[in-house]
Amino acid sequence: TFSRGTGFWERSLHEQSPYLLEGRRG
């Protein structure tokens, strides 16, 4: 169980689609 997660805040700062950035790097 976690708190103070920065996932949403981080994704809101990206110019590219965060949905695609979450995929496997390759």
mmCIF file of all heavy atoms, coordinates in Angstrom:
data_MODEL
# 
_entry.id   MODEL 
# 
loop_
_atom_site.group_PDB 
_atom_site.id 
_atom_site.type_symbol 
_atom_site.label_atom_id 
_atom_site.label_alt_id 
_atom_site.label_comp_id 
_atom_site.label_asym_id 
_atom_site.label_entity_id 
_atom_site.label_seq_id 
_atom_site.pdbx_PDB_ins_code 
_atom_site.Cartn_x 
_atom_site.Cartn_y 
_atom_site.Cartn_z 
_atom_site.occupancy 
_atom_site.B_iso_or_equiv 
_atom_site.pdbx_formal_charge 
_atom_site.auth_seq_id 
_atom_site.auth_comp_id 
_atom_site.auth_asym_id 
_atom_site.auth_atom_id 
_atom_site.pdbx_PDB_model_num 
ATOM 1   N N   . THR A 1 1  ? 0.869  -1.176 0.000   1.00 0.00 ? 1  THR A N   1 
ATOM 2   C CA  . THR A 1 1  ? 0.000  0.000  0.000   1.00 0.00 ? 1  THR A CA  1 
ATOM 3   C C   . THR A 1 1  ? 0.904  1.223  0.000   1.00 0.00 ? 1  THR A C   1 
ATOM 4   O O   . THR A 1 1  ? 1.873  1.286  0.769   1.00 0.00 ? 1  THR A O   1 
ATOM 5   C CB  . THR A 1 1  ? -0.911 0.017  1.243   1.00 0.00 ? 1  THR A CB  1 
ATOM 6   O OG1 . THR A 1 1  ? -1.713 -1.158 1.252   1.00 0.00 ? 1  THR A OG1 1 
ATOM 7   C CG2 . THR A 1 1  ? -1.828 1.232  1.236   1.00 0.00 ? 1  THR A CG2 1 
ATOM 8   N N   . PHE A 1 2  ? 0.592  2.183  -0.863  1.00 0.00 ? 2  PHE A N   1 
ATOM 9   C CA  . PHE A 1 2  ? 1.473  3.340  -0.987  1.00 0.00 ? 2  PHE A CA  1 
ATOM 10  C C   . PHE A 1 2  ? 0.700  4.649  -0.932  1.00 0.00 ? 2  PHE A C   1 
ATOM 11  O O   . PHE A 1 2  ? -0.522 4.702  -1.127  1.00 0.00 ? 2  PHE A O   1 
ATOM 12  C CB  . PHE A 1 2  ? 2.295  3.268  -2.278  1.00 0.00 ? 2  PHE A CB  1 
ATOM 13  C CG  . PHE A 1 2  ? 1.488  3.384  -3.556  1.00 0.00 ? 2  PHE A CG  1 
ATOM 14  C CD1 . PHE A 1 2  ? 1.181  4.625  -4.106  1.00 0.00 ? 2  PHE A CD1 1 
ATOM 15  C CD2 . PHE A 1 2  ? 1.052  2.244  -4.218  1.00 0.00 ? 2  PHE A CD2 1 
ATOM 16  C CE1 . PHE A 1 2  ? 0.445  4.730  -5.283  1.00 0.00 ? 2  PHE A CE1 1 
ATOM 17  C CE2 . PHE A 1 2  ? 0.313  2.339  -5.391  1.00 0.00 ? 2  PHE A CE2 1 
ATOM 18  C CZ  . PHE A 1 2  ? 0.011  3.587  -5.930  1.00 0.00 ? 2  PHE A CZ  1 
ATOM 19  N N   . SER A 1 3  ? 1.437  5.707  -0.662  1.00 0.00 ? 3  SER A N   1 
ATOM 20  C CA  . SER A 1 3  ? 0.904  7.068  -0.708  1.00 0.00 ? 3  SER A CA  1 
ATOM 21  C C   . SER A 1 3  ? 1.915  7.953  -1.415  1.00 0.00 ? 3  SER A C   1 
ATOM 22  O O   . SER A 1 3  ? 3.015  7.508  -1.755  1.00 0.00 ? 3  SER A O   1 
ATOM 23  C CB  . SER A 1 3  ? 0.626  7.587  0.715   1.00 0.00 ? 3  SER A CB  1 
ATOM 24  O OG  . SER A 1 3  ? 1.834  7.712  1.443   1.00 0.00 ? 3  SER A OG  1 
ATOM 25  N N   . ARG A 1 4  ? 1.535  9.204  -1.662  1.00 0.00 ? 4  ARG A N   1 
ATOM 26  C CA  . ARG A 1 4  ? 2.420  10.199 -2.274  1.00 0.00 ? 4  ARG A CA  1 
ATOM 27  C C   . ARG A 1 4  ? 3.039  9.713  -3.582  1.00 0.00 ? 4  ARG A C   1 
ATOM 28  O O   . ARG A 1 4  ? 4.198  9.993  -3.891  1.00 0.00 ? 4  ARG A O   1 
ATOM 29  C CB  . ARG A 1 4  ? 3.509  10.636 -1.286  1.00 0.00 ? 4  ARG A CB  1 
ATOM 30  C CG  . ARG A 1 4  ? 2.927  11.141 0.041   1.00 0.00 ? 4  ARG A CG  1 
ATOM 31  C CD  . ARG A 1 4  ? 3.978  11.684 0.961   1.00 0.00 ? 4  ARG A CD  1 
ATOM 32  N NE  . ARG A 1 4  ? 4.547  12.937 0.462   1.00 0.00 ? 4  ARG A NE  1 
ATOM 33  C CZ  . ARG A 1 4  ? 3.971  14.126 0.533   1.00 0.00 ? 4  ARG A CZ  1 
ATOM 34  N NH1 . ARG A 1 4  ? 2.756  14.253 1.088   1.00 0.00 ? 4  ARG A NH1 1 
ATOM 35  N NH2 . ARG A 1 4  ? 4.564  15.202 0.074   1.00 0.00 ? 4  ARG A NH2 1 
ATOM 36  N N   . GLY A 1 5  ? 2.255  8.986  -4.370  1.00 0.00 ? 5  GLY A N   1 
ATOM 37  C CA  . GLY A 1 5  ? 2.724  8.533  -5.673  1.00 0.00 ? 5  GLY A CA  1 
ATOM 38  C C   . GLY A 1 5  ? 2.763  9.683  -6.669  1.00 0.00 ? 5  GLY A C   1 
ATOM 39  O O   . GLY A 1 5  ? 1.846  10.501 -6.736  1.00 0.00 ? 5  GLY A O   1 
ATOM 40  N N   . THR A 1 6  ? 3.823  9.728  -7.469  1.00 0.00 ? 6  THR A N   1 
ATOM 41  C CA  . THR A 1 6  ? 4.006  10.834 -8.412  1.00 0.00 ? 6  THR A CA  1 
ATOM 42  C C   . THR A 1 6  ? 3.660  10.444 -9.847  1.00 0.00 ? 6  THR A C   1 
ATOM 43  O O   . THR A 1 6  ? 3.958  11.188 -10.782 1.00 0.00 ? 6  THR A O   1 
ATOM 44  C CB  . THR A 1 6  ? 5.462  11.338 -8.370  1.00 0.00 ? 6  THR A CB  1 
ATOM 45  O OG1 . THR A 1 6  ? 6.343  10.273 -8.771  1.00 0.00 ? 6  THR A OG1 1 
ATOM 46  C CG2 . THR A 1 6  ? 5.828  11.800 -6.973  1.00 0.00 ? 6  THR A CG2 1 
ATOM 47  N N   . GLY A 1 7  ? 3.025  9.289  -10.046 1.00 0.00 ? 7  GLY A N   1 
ATOM 48  C CA  . GLY A 1 7  ? 2.775  8.806  -11.402 1.00 0.00 ? 7  GLY A CA  1 
ATOM 49  C C   . GLY A 1 7  ? 1.968  9.769  -12.253 1.00 0.00 ? 7  GLY A C   1 
ATOM 50  O O   . GLY A 1 7  ? 2.353  10.082 -13.390 1.00 0.00 ? 7  GLY A O   1 
ATOM 51  N N   . PHE A 1 8  ? 0.845  10.251 -11.748 1.00 0.00 ? 8  PHE A N   1 
ATOM 52  C CA  . PHE A 1 8  ? 0.016  11.179 -12.519 1.00 0.00 ? 8  PHE A CA  1 
ATOM 53  C C   . PHE A 1 8  ? 0.754  12.485 -12.778 1.00 0.00 ? 8  PHE A C   1 
ATOM 54  O O   . PHE A 1 8  ? 0.733  13.022 -13.899 1.00 0.00 ? 8  PHE A O   1 
ATOM 55  C CB  . PHE A 1 8  ? -1.290 11.465 -11.783 1.00 0.00 ? 8  PHE A CB  1 
ATOM 56  C CG  . PHE A 1 8  ? -2.013 12.666 -12.325 1.00 0.00 ? 8  PHE A CG  1 
ATOM 57  C CD1 . PHE A 1 8  ? -2.674 12.602 -13.545 1.00 0.00 ? 8  PHE A CD1 1 
ATOM 58  C CD2 . PHE A 1 8  ? -2.013 13.873 -11.633 1.00 0.00 ? 8  PHE A CD2 1 
ATOM 59  C CE1 . PHE A 1 8  ? -3.323 13.722 -14.062 1.00 0.00 ? 8  PHE A CE1 1 
ATOM 60  C CE2 . PHE A 1 8  ? -2.653 14.985 -12.141 1.00 0.00 ? 8  PHE A CE2 1 
ATOM 61  C CZ  . PHE A 1 8  ? -3.314 14.902 -13.355 1.00 0.00 ? 8  PHE A CZ  1 
ATOM 62  N N   . TRP A 1 9  ? 1.388  13.011 -11.755 1.00 0.00 ? 9  TRP A N   1 
ATOM 63  C CA  . TRP A 1 9  ? 2.080  14.284 -11.902 1.00 0.00 ? 9  TRP A CA  1 
ATOM 64  C C   . TRP A 1 9  ? 3.200  14.167 -12.939 1.00 0.00 ? 9  TRP A C   1 
ATOM 65  O O   . TRP A 1 9  ? 3.376  15.057 -13.788 1.00 0.00 ? 9  TRP A O   1 
ATOM 66  C CB  . TRP A 1 9  ? 2.642  14.700 -10.542 1.00 0.00 ? 9  TRP A CB  1 
ATOM 67  C CG  . TRP A 1 9  ? 2.914  16.178 -10.391 1.00 0.00 ? 9  TRP A CG  1 
ATOM 68  C CD1 . TRP A 1 9  ? 2.878  17.131 -11.382 1.00 0.00 ? 9  TRP A CD1 1 
ATOM 69  C CD2 . TRP A 1 9  ? 3.274  16.867 -9.201  1.00 0.00 ? 9  TRP A CD2 1 
ATOM 70  N NE1 . TRP A 1 9  ? 3.184  18.356 -10.881 1.00 0.00 ? 9  TRP A NE1 1 
ATOM 71  C CE2 . TRP A 1 9  ? 3.428  18.227 -9.525  1.00 0.00 ? 9  TRP A CE2 1 
ATOM 72  C CE3 . TRP A 1 9  ? 3.466  16.469 -7.894  1.00 0.00 ? 9  TRP A CE3 1 
ATOM 73  C CZ2 . TRP A 1 9  ? 3.783  19.190 -8.588  1.00 0.00 ? 9  TRP A CZ2 1 
ATOM 74  C CZ3 . TRP A 1 9  ? 3.814  17.426 -6.942  1.00 0.00 ? 9  TRP A CZ3 1 
ATOM 75  C CH2 . TRP A 1 9  ? 3.967  18.770 -7.291  1.00 0.00 ? 9  TRP A CH2 1 
ATOM 76  N N   . GLU A 1 10 ? 3.945  13.073 -12.886 1.00 0.00 ? 10 GLU A N   1 
ATOM 77  C CA  . GLU A 1 10 ? 5.018  12.867 -13.863 1.00 0.00 ? 10 GLU A CA  1 
ATOM 78  C C   . GLU A 1 10 ? 4.463  12.784 -15.281 1.00 0.00 ? 10 GLU A C   1 
ATOM 79  O O   . GLU A 1 10 ? 4.998  13.409 -16.206 1.00 0.00 ? 10 GLU A O   1 
ATOM 80  C CB  . GLU A 1 10 ? 5.782  11.582 -13.529 1.00 0.00 ? 10 GLU A CB  1 
ATOM 81  C CG  . GLU A 1 10 ? 6.667  11.665 -12.304 1.00 0.00 ? 10 GLU A CG  1 
ATOM 82  C CD  . GLU A 1 10 ? 8.049  12.230 -12.607 1.00 0.00 ? 10 GLU A CD  1 
ATOM 83  O OE1 . GLU A 1 10 ? 8.267  12.690 -13.744 1.00 0.00 ? 10 GLU A OE1 1 
ATOM 84  O OE2 . GLU A 1 10 ? 8.893  12.215 -11.700 1.00 0.00 ? 10 GLU A OE2 1 
ATOM 85  N N   . ARG A 1 11 ? 3.379  12.038 -15.469 1.00 0.00 ? 11 ARG A N   1 
ATOM 86  C CA  . ARG A 1 11 ? 2.863  11.855 -16.830 1.00 0.00 ? 11 ARG A CA  1 
ATOM 87  C C   . ARG A 1 11 ? 2.282  13.154 -17.377 1.00 0.00 ? 11 ARG A C   1 
ATOM 88  O O   . ARG A 1 11 ? 2.269  13.376 -18.589 1.00 0.00 ? 11 ARG A O   1 
ATOM 89  C CB  . ARG A 1 11 ? 1.870  10.715 -16.874 1.00 0.00 ? 11 ARG A CB  1 
ATOM 90  C CG  . ARG A 1 11 ? 0.557  10.954 -16.181 1.00 0.00 ? 11 ARG A CG  1 
ATOM 91  C CD  . ARG A 1 11 ? -0.273 9.676  -16.034 1.00 0.00 ? 11 ARG A CD  1 
ATOM 92  N NE  . ARG A 1 11 ? -0.553 9.042  -17.316 1.00 0.00 ? 11 ARG A NE  1 
ATOM 93  C CZ  . ARG A 1 11 ? -0.265 7.775  -17.611 1.00 0.00 ? 11 ARG A CZ  1 
ATOM 94  N NH1 . ARG A 1 11 ? 0.304  7.012  -16.688 1.00 0.00 ? 11 ARG A NH1 1 
ATOM 95  N NH2 . ARG A 1 11 ? -0.555 7.269  -18.784 1.00 0.00 ? 11 ARG A NH2 1 
ATOM 96  N N   . SER A 1 12 ? 1.806  14.043 -16.502 1.00 0.00 ? 12 SER A N   1 
ATOM 97  C CA  . SER A 1 12 ? 1.234  15.305 -16.978 1.00 0.00 ? 12 SER A CA  1 
ATOM 98  C C   . SER A 1 12 ? 2.291  16.257 -17.522 1.00 0.00 ? 12 SER A C   1 
ATOM 99  O O   . SER A 1 12 ? 1.960  17.239 -18.194 1.00 0.00 ? 12 SER A O   1 
ATOM 100 C CB  . SER A 1 12 ? 0.470  15.994 -15.840 1.00 0.00 ? 12 SER A CB  1 
ATOM 101 O OG  . SER A 1 12 ? 1.358  16.487 -14.848 1.00 0.00 ? 12 SER A OG  1 
ATOM 102 N N   . LEU A 1 13 ? 3.568  15.967 -17.262 1.00 0.00 ? 13 LEU A N   1 
ATOM 103 C CA  . LEU A 1 13 ? 4.651  16.861 -17.688 1.00 0.00 ? 13 LEU A CA  1 
ATOM 104 C C   . LEU A 1 13 ? 5.266  16.451 -19.022 1.00 0.00 ? 13 LEU A C   1 
ATOM 105 O O   . LEU A 1 13 ? 6.050  17.194 -19.597 1.00 0.00 ? 13 LEU A O   1 
ATOM 106 C CB  . LEU A 1 13 ? 5.748  16.888 -16.618 1.00 0.00 ? 13 LEU A CB  1 
ATOM 107 C CG  . LEU A 1 13 ? 5.317  17.392 -15.232 1.00 0.00 ? 13 LEU A CG  1 
ATOM 108 C CD1 . LEU A 1 13 ? 6.444  17.211 -14.241 1.00 0.00 ? 13 LEU A CD1 1 
ATOM 109 C CD2 . LEU A 1 13 ? 4.899  18.851 -15.289 1.00 0.00 ? 13 LEU A CD2 1 
ATOM 110 N N   . HIS A 1 14 ? 4.912  15.265 -19.538 1.00 0.00 ? 14 HIS A N   1 
ATOM 111 C CA  . HIS A 1 14 ? 5.531  14.760 -20.764 1.00 0.00 ? 14 HIS A CA  1 
ATOM 112 C C   . HIS A 1 14 ? 4.816  15.304 -21.999 1.00 0.00 ? 14 HIS A C   1 
ATOM 113 O O   . HIS A 1 14 ? 3.591  15.399 -22.038 1.00 0.00 ? 14 HIS A O   1 
ATOM 114 C CB  . HIS A 1 14 ? 5.513  13.229 -20.788 1.00 0.00 ? 14 HIS A CB  1 
ATOM 115 C CG  . HIS A 1 14 ? 6.576  12.615 -19.936 1.00 0.00 ? 14 HIS A CG  1 
ATOM 116 N ND1 . HIS A 1 14 ? 7.843  12.351 -20.394 1.00 0.00 ? 14 HIS A ND1 1 
ATOM 117 C CD2 . HIS A 1 14 ? 6.557  12.214 -18.640 1.00 0.00 ? 14 HIS A CD2 1 
ATOM 118 C CE1 . HIS A 1 14 ? 8.556  11.811 -19.418 1.00 0.00 ? 14 HIS A CE1 1 
ATOM 119 N NE2 . HIS A 1 14 ? 7.791  11.720 -18.348 1.00 0.00 ? 14 HIS A NE2 1 
ATOM 120 N N   . GLU A 1 15 ? 5.599  15.629 -23.008 1.00 0.00 ? 15 GLU A N   1 
ATOM 121 C CA  . GLU A 1 15 ? 5.019  16.070 -24.279 1.00 0.00 ? 15 GLU A CA  1 
ATOM 122 C C   . GLU A 1 15 ? 4.502  14.882 -25.078 1.00 0.00 ? 15 GLU A C   1 
ATOM 123 O O   . GLU A 1 15 ? 3.461  14.953 -25.711 1.00 0.00 ? 15 GLU A O   1 
ATOM 124 C CB  . GLU A 1 15 ? 6.073  16.831 -25.088 1.00 0.00 ? 15 GLU A CB  1 
ATOM 125 C CG  . GLU A 1 15 ? 6.516  18.147 -24.439 1.00 0.00 ? 15 GLU A CG  1 
ATOM 126 C CD  . GLU A 1 15 ? 7.561  18.856 -25.264 1.00 0.00 ? 15 GLU A CD  1 
ATOM 127 O OE1 . GLU A 1 15 ? 7.970  18.303 -26.316 1.00 0.00 ? 15 GLU A OE1 1 
ATOM 128 O OE2 . GLU A 1 15 ? 7.982  19.957 -24.873 1.00 0.00 ? 15 GLU A OE2 1 
ATOM 129 N N   . GLN A 1 16 ? 5.232  13.762 -25.028 1.00 0.00 ? 16 GLN A N   1 
ATOM 130 C CA  . GLN A 1 16 ? 4.779  12.548 -25.707 1.00 0.00 ? 16 GLN A CA  1 
ATOM 131 C C   . GLN A 1 16 ? 3.686  11.871 -24.891 1.00 0.00 ? 16 GLN A C   1 
ATOM 132 O O   . GLN A 1 16 ? 3.503  12.158 -23.706 1.00 0.00 ? 16 GLN A O   1 
ATOM 133 C CB  . GLN A 1 16 ? 5.943  11.575 -25.891 1.00 0.00 ? 16 GLN A CB  1 
ATOM 134 C CG  . GLN A 1 16 ? 7.005  12.036 -26.874 1.00 0.00 ? 16 GLN A CG  1 
ATOM 135 C CD  . GLN A 1 16 ? 8.113  11.016 -26.965 1.00 0.00 ? 16 GLN A CD  1 
ATOM 136 O OE1 . GLN A 1 16 ? 9.095  11.081 -26.235 1.00 0.00 ? 16 GLN A OE1 1 
ATOM 137 N NE2 . GLN A 1 16 ? 7.952  10.056 -27.868 1.00 0.00 ? 16 GLN A NE2 1 
ATOM 138 N N   . SER A 1 17 ? 2.964  10.971 -25.526 1.00 0.00 ? 17 SER A N   1 
ATOM 139 C CA  . SER A 1 17 ? 1.919  10.245 -24.828 1.00 0.00 ? 17 SER A CA  1 
ATOM 140 C C   . SER A 1 17 ? 2.510  9.379  -23.718 1.00 0.00 ? 17 SER A C   1 
ATOM 141 O O   . SER A 1 17 ? 3.281  8.459  -23.999 1.00 0.00 ? 17 SER A O   1 
ATOM 142 C CB  . SER A 1 17 ? 1.150  9.344  -25.802 1.00 0.00 ? 17 SER A CB  1 
ATOM 143 O OG  . SER A 1 17 ? 0.329  8.444  -25.087 1.00 0.00 ? 17 SER A OG  1 
ATOM 144 N N   . PRO A 1 18 ? 2.167  9.649  -22.450 1.00 0.00 ? 18 PRO A N   1 
ATOM 145 C CA  . PRO A 1 18 ? 2.679  8.798  -21.369 1.00 0.00 ? 18 PRO A CA  1 
ATOM 146 C C   . PRO A 1 18 ? 2.215  7.348  -21.512 1.00 0.00 ? 18 PRO A C   1 
ATOM 147 O O   . PRO A 1 18 ? 2.901  6.438  -21.057 1.00 0.00 ? 18 PRO A O   1 
ATOM 148 C CB  . PRO A 1 18 ? 2.091  9.441  -20.109 1.00 0.00 ? 18 PRO A CB  1 
ATOM 149 C CG  . PRO A 1 18 ? 1.733  10.830 -20.509 1.00 0.00 ? 18 PRO A CG  1 
ATOM 150 C CD  . PRO A 1 18 ? 1.335  10.747 -21.952 1.00 0.00 ? 18 PRO A CD  1 
ATOM 151 N N   . TYR A 1 19 ? 1.073  7.161  -22.137 1.00 0.00 ? 19 TYR A N   1 
ATOM 152 C CA  . TYR A 1 19 ? 0.554  5.801  -22.312 1.00 0.00 ? 19 TYR A CA  1 
ATOM 153 C C   . TYR A 1 19 ? 1.529  4.958  -23.128 1.00 0.00 ? 19 TYR A C   1 
ATOM 154 O O   . TYR A 1 19 ? 1.753  3.789  -22.834 1.00 0.00 ? 19 TYR A O   1 
ATOM 155 C CB  . TYR A 1 19 ? -0.803 5.858  -23.000 1.00 0.00 ? 19 TYR A CB  1 
ATOM 156 C CG  . TYR A 1 19 ? -1.490 4.515  -23.099 1.00 0.00 ? 19 TYR A CG  1 
ATOM 157 C CD1 . TYR A 1 19 ? -2.220 4.017  -22.027 1.00 0.00 ? 19 TYR A CD1 1 
ATOM 158 C CD2 . TYR A 1 19 ? -1.403 3.744  -24.257 1.00 0.00 ? 19 TYR A CD2 1 
ATOM 159 C CE1 . TYR A 1 19 ? -2.849 2.778  -22.106 1.00 0.00 ? 19 TYR A CE1 1 
ATOM 160 C CE2 . TYR A 1 19 ? -2.028 2.518  -24.345 1.00 0.00 ? 19 TYR A CE2 1 
ATOM 161 C CZ  . TYR A 1 19 ? -2.747 2.034  -23.267 1.00 0.00 ? 19 TYR A CZ  1 
ATOM 162 O OH  . TYR A 1 19 ? -3.367 0.816  -23.343 1.00 0.00 ? 19 TYR A OH  1 
ATOM 163 N N   . LEU A 1 20 ? 2.114  5.578  -24.167 1.00 0.00 ? 20 LEU A N   1 
ATOM 164 C CA  . LEU A 1 20 ? 3.086  4.871  -24.983 1.00 0.00 ? 20 LEU A CA  1 
ATOM 165 C C   . LEU A 1 20 ? 4.433  4.752  -24.278 1.00 0.00 ? 20 LEU A C   1 
ATOM 166 O O   . LEU A 1 20 ? 5.133  3.757  -24.418 1.00 0.00 ? 20 LEU A O   1 
ATOM 167 C CB  . LEU A 1 20 ? 3.259  5.575  -26.325 1.00 0.00 ? 20 LEU A CB  1 
ATOM 168 C CG  . LEU A 1 20 ? 1.997  5.670  -27.198 1.00 0.00 ? 20 LEU A CG  1 
ATOM 169 C CD1 . LEU A 1 20 ? 2.315  6.386  -28.494 1.00 0.00 ? 20 LEU A CD1 1 
ATOM 170 C CD2 . LEU A 1 20 ? 1.432  4.280  -27.475 1.00 0.00 ? 20 LEU A CD2 1 
ATOM 171 N N   . LEU A 1 21 ? 4.789  5.764  -23.487 1.00 0.00 ? 21 LEU A N   1 
ATOM 172 C CA  . LEU A 1 21 ? 6.062  5.729  -22.773 1.00 0.00 ? 21 LEU A CA  1 
ATOM 173 C C   . LEU A 1 21 ? 6.096  4.630  -21.722 1.00 0.00 ? 21 LEU A C   1 
ATOM 174 O O   . LEU A 1 21 ? 7.160  4.147  -21.348 1.00 0.00 ? 21 LEU A O   1 
ATOM 175 C CB  . LEU A 1 21 ? 6.334  7.082  -22.109 1.00 0.00 ? 21 LEU A CB  1 
ATOM 176 C CG  . LEU A 1 21 ? 6.587  8.273  -23.040 1.00 0.00 ? 21 LEU A CG  1 
ATOM 177 C CD1 . LEU A 1 21 ? 6.726  9.545  -22.231 1.00 0.00 ? 21 LEU A CD1 1 
ATOM 178 C CD2 . LEU A 1 21 ? 7.833  8.038  -23.889 1.00 0.00 ? 21 LEU A CD2 1 
ATOM 179 N N   . GLU A 1 22 ? 4.927  4.229  -21.239 1.00 0.00 ? 22 GLU A N   1 
ATOM 180 C CA  . GLU A 1 22 ? 4.873  3.183  -20.227 1.00 0.00 ? 22 GLU A CA  1 
ATOM 181 C C   . GLU A 1 22 ? 5.219  1.810  -20.787 1.00 0.00 ? 22 GLU A C   1 
ATOM 182 O O   . GLU A 1 22 ? 5.489  0.880  -20.033 1.00 0.00 ? 22 GLU A O   1 
ATOM 183 C CB  . GLU A 1 22 ? 3.470  3.099  -19.614 1.00 0.00 ? 22 GLU A CB  1 
ATOM 184 C CG  . GLU A 1 22 ? 3.163  4.191  -18.625 1.00 0.00 ? 22 GLU A CG  1 
ATOM 185 C CD  . GLU A 1 22 ? 1.764  4.046  -18.072 1.00 0.00 ? 22 GLU A CD  1 
ATOM 186 O OE1 . GLU A 1 22 ? 0.872  3.567  -18.795 1.00 0.00 ? 22 GLU A OE1 1 
ATOM 187 O OE2 . GLU A 1 22 ? 1.563  4.410  -16.905 1.00 0.00 ? 22 GLU A OE2 1 
ATOM 188 N N   . GLY A 1 23 ? 5.192  1.658  -22.097 1.00 0.00 ? 23 GLY A N   1 
ATOM 189 C CA  . GLY A 1 23 ? 5.435  0.342  -22.690 1.00 0.00 ? 23 GLY A CA  1 
ATOM 190 C C   . GLY A 1 23 ? 6.872  -0.085 -22.535 1.00 0.00 ? 23 GLY A C   1 
ATOM 191 O O   . GLY A 1 23 ? 7.722  0.617  -21.992 1.00 0.00 ? 23 GLY A O   1 
ATOM 192 N N   . ARG A 1 24 ? 7.168  -1.266 -23.024 1.00 0.00 ? 24 ARG A N   1 
ATOM 193 C CA  . ARG A 1 24 ? 8.543  -1.759 -22.963 1.00 0.00 ? 24 ARG A CA  1 
ATOM 194 C C   . ARG A 1 24 ? 9.433  -0.905 -23.846 1.00 0.00 ? 24 ARG A C   1 
ATOM 195 O O   . ARG A 1 24 ? 9.058  -0.531 -24.950 1.00 0.00 ? 24 ARG A O   1 
ATOM 196 C CB  . ARG A 1 24 ? 8.604  -3.216 -23.413 1.00 0.00 ? 24 ARG A CB  1 
ATOM 197 C CG  . ARG A 1 24 ? 7.887  -4.163 -22.455 1.00 0.00 ? 24 ARG A CG  1 
ATOM 198 C CD  . ARG A 1 24 ? 8.062  -5.605 -22.891 1.00 0.00 ? 24 ARG A CD  1 
ATOM 199 N NE  . ARG A 1 24 ? 7.370  -6.500 -21.992 1.00 0.00 ? 24 ARG A NE  1 
ATOM 200 C CZ  . ARG A 1 24 ? 7.873  -6.953 -20.856 1.00 0.00 ? 24 ARG A CZ  1 
ATOM 201 N NH1 . ARG A 1 24 ? 9.079  -6.570 -20.490 1.00 0.00 ? 24 ARG A NH1 1 
ATOM 202 N NH2 . ARG A 1 24 ? 7.188  -7.767 -20.079 1.00 0.00 ? 24 ARG A NH2 1 
ATOM 203 N N   . ARG A 1 25 ? 10.624 -0.623 -23.331 1.00 0.00 ? 25 ARG A N   1 
ATOM 204 C CA  . ARG A 1 25 ? 11.521 0.293  -24.017 1.00 0.00 ? 25 ARG A CA  1 
ATOM 205 C C   . ARG A 1 25 ? 11.819 -0.154 -25.443 1.00 0.00 ? 25 ARG A C   1 
ATOM 206 O O   . ARG A 1 25 ? 11.811 0.661  -26.366 1.00 0.00 ? 25 ARG A O   1 
ATOM 207 C CB  . ARG A 1 25 ? 12.823 0.389  -23.227 1.00 0.00 ? 25 ARG A CB  1 
ATOM 208 C CG  . ARG A 1 25 ? 13.817 1.384  -23.815 1.00 0.00 ? 25 ARG A CG  1 
ATOM 209 C CD  . ARG A 1 25 ? 15.089 1.429  -22.959 1.00 0.00 ? 25 ARG A CD  1 
ATOM 210 N NE  . ARG A 1 25 ? 14.779 1.889  -21.619 1.00 0.00 ? 25 ARG A NE  1 
ATOM 211 C CZ  . ARG A 1 25 ? 14.744 3.166  -21.292 1.00 0.00 ? 25 ARG A CZ  1 
ATOM 212 N NH1 . ARG A 1 25 ? 14.990 4.090  -22.202 1.00 0.00 ? 25 ARG A NH1 1 
ATOM 213 N NH2 . ARG A 1 25 ? 14.491 3.534  -20.048 1.00 0.00 ? 25 ARG A NH2 1 
ATOM 214 N N   . GLY A 1 26 ? 12.029 -1.423 -25.681 1.00 0.00 ? 26 GLY A N   1 
ATOM 215 C CA  . GLY A 1 26 ? 12.373 -1.901 -27.001 1.00 0.00 ? 26 GLY A CA  1 
ATOM 216 C C   . GLY A 1 26 ? 11.287 -1.643 -28.029 1.00 0.00 ? 26 GLY A C   1 
ATOM 217 O O   . GLY A 1 26 ? 11.558 -1.282 -29.166 1.00 0.00 ? 26 GLY A O   1 
# 
